[in-house]
């Protein structure tokens, strides 16, 4: 089976930071660089190439979704 995996990246080449987008309050997003999480036993660290926005995300941004 091919799950869309194109290549494996050796651990030593991983960046130390990742991008995060956080909704601080309705209508206010902040894009930040944050440290990559530590890899723990039984976990995997993957690189994300694309993301999507779901309806709940839009409601949070609009202020109509309690969180």
C-alpha atoms as a PDB file:
ATOM      1  CA  UNK A   1       0.000   0.000   0.000  1.00  0.00           C
ATOM      2  CA  UNK A   2       1.150   3.508  -0.764  1.00  0.00           C
ATOM      3  CA  UNK A   3      -0.241   5.995   1.743  1.00  0.00           C
ATOM      4  CA  UNK A   4       1.123   9.016  -0.116  1.00  0.00           C
ATOM      5  CA  UNK A   5       4.494   8.662   1.579  1.00  0.00           C
ATOM      6  CA  UNK A   6       7.187   9.921  -0.704  1.00  0.00           C
ATOM      7  CA  UNK A   7      10.306   9.594   1.380  1.00  0.00           C
ATOM      8  CA  UNK A   8      11.623   9.138   4.863  1.00  0.00           C
ATOM      9  CA  UNK A   9      13.617  12.017   6.335  1.00  0.00           C
ATOM     10  CA  UNK A  10      16.501  11.030   8.610  1.00  0.00           C
ATOM     11  CA  UNK A  11      15.989  12.369  12.128  1.00  0.00           C
ATOM     12  CA  UNK A  12      19.177  14.433  12.023  1.00  0.00           C
ATOM     13  CA  UNK A  13      17.805  16.591   9.182  1.00  0.00           C
ATOM     14  CA  UNK A  14      14.587  17.625  10.929  1.00  0.00           C
ATOM     15  CA  UNK A  15      14.196  21.330  11.649  1.00  0.00           C
ATOM     16  CA  UNK A  16      14.067  22.449  15.260  1.00  0.00           C
ATOM     17  CA  UNK A  17      10.986  24.664  14.800  1.00  0.00           C
ATOM     18  CA  UNK A  18       7.482  24.170  13.444  1.00  0.00           C
ATOM     19  CA  UNK A  19       4.810  26.660  12.376  1.00  0.00           C
ATOM     20  CA  UNK A  20       1.674  26.976  14.505  1.00  0.00           C
ATOM     21  CA  UNK A  21      -1.475  28.994  13.853  1.00  0.00           C
ATOM     22  CA  UNK A  22      -3.461  29.815  16.976  1.00  0.00           C
ATOM     23  CA  UNK A  23      -6.787  31.575  17.338  1.00  0.00           C
ATOM     24  CA  UNK A  24      -6.159  33.854  20.331  1.00  0.00           C
ATOM     25  CA  UNK A  25      -9.670  35.279  20.283  1.00  0.00           C
ATOM     26  CA  UNK A  26     -12.385  35.627  17.657  1.00  0.00           C
ATOM     27  CA  UNK A  27     -10.960  37.324  14.568  1.00  0.00           C
ATOM     28  CA  UNK A  28      -7.364  37.186  15.851  1.00  0.00           C
ATOM     29  CA  UNK A  29      -4.958  34.549  14.579  1.00  0.00           C
ATOM     30  CA  UNK A  30      -1.250  34.376  15.303  1.00  0.00           C
ATOM     31  CA  UNK A  31       1.321  32.456  13.245  1.00  0.00           C
ATOM     32  CA  UNK A  32       4.351  31.449  15.304  1.00  0.00           C
ATOM     33  CA  UNK A  33       7.443  29.291  15.176  1.00  0.00           C
ATOM     34  CA  UNK A  34       7.490  26.838  18.086  1.00  0.00           C
ATOM     35  CA  UNK A  35       9.927  24.074  19.052  1.00  0.00           C
ATOM     36  CA  UNK A  36       9.221  20.605  17.684  1.00  0.00           C
ATOM     37  CA  UNK A  37       7.827  18.286  20.350  1.00  0.00           C
ATOM     38  CA  UNK A  38      10.125  15.623  21.762  1.00  0.00           C
ATOM     39  CA  UNK A  39       9.632  12.152  20.315  1.00  0.00           C
ATOM     40  CA  UNK A  40       8.534   9.708  23.006  1.00  0.00           C
ATOM     41  CA  UNK A  41       8.503   5.904  22.946  1.00  0.00           C
ATOM     42  CA  UNK A  42       5.632   4.627  20.850  1.00  0.00           C
ATOM     43  CA  UNK A  43       5.116   8.000  19.125  1.00  0.00           C
ATOM     44  CA  UNK A  44       6.068   9.249  15.685  1.00  0.00           C
ATOM     45  CA  UNK A  45       6.972  12.699  14.411  1.00  0.00           C
ATOM     46  CA  UNK A  46       5.686  13.457  10.922  1.00  0.00           C
ATOM     47  CA  UNK A  47       6.117  16.398   8.594  1.00  0.00           C
ATOM     48  CA  UNK A  48       2.898  18.023   7.390  1.00  0.00           C
ATOM     49  CA  UNK A  49       2.904  19.279   3.807  1.00  0.00           C
ATOM     50  CA  UNK A  50      -0.677  20.566   3.632  1.00  0.00           C
ATOM     51  CA  UNK A  51      -3.461  21.420   6.066  1.00  0.00           C
ATOM     52  CA  UNK A  52      -7.122  22.257   5.820  1.00  0.00           C
ATOM     53  CA  UNK A  53      -9.610  24.363   7.727  1.00  0.00           C
ATOM     54  CA  UNK A  54     -12.809  22.753   8.977  1.00  0.00           C
ATOM     55  CA  UNK A  55     -16.116  24.411   9.805  1.00  0.00           C
ATOM     56  CA  UNK A  56     -15.397  24.323  13.554  1.00  0.00           C
ATOM     57  CA  UNK A  57     -12.184  26.281  12.952  1.00  0.00           C
ATOM     58  CA  UNK A  58     -14.146  28.955  11.096  1.00  0.00           C
ATOM     59  CA  UNK A  59     -16.725  29.138  13.911  1.00  0.00           C
ATOM     60  CA  UNK A  60     -13.922  29.627  16.457  1.00  0.00           C
ATOM     61  CA  UNK A  61     -12.480  32.443  14.352  1.00  0.00           C
ATOM     62  CA  UNK A  62     -15.905  34.039  13.992  1.00  0.00           C
ATOM     63  CA  UNK A  63     -16.577  33.732  17.732  1.00  0.00           C
ATOM     64  CA  UNK A  64     -19.628  31.489  17.344  1.00  0.00           C
ATOM     65  CA  UNK A  65     -17.953  28.309  18.704  1.00  0.00           C
ATOM     66  CA  UNK A  66     -17.315  28.151  22.461  1.00  0.00           C
ATOM     67  CA  UNK A  67     -13.803  27.003  23.363  1.00  0.00           C
END
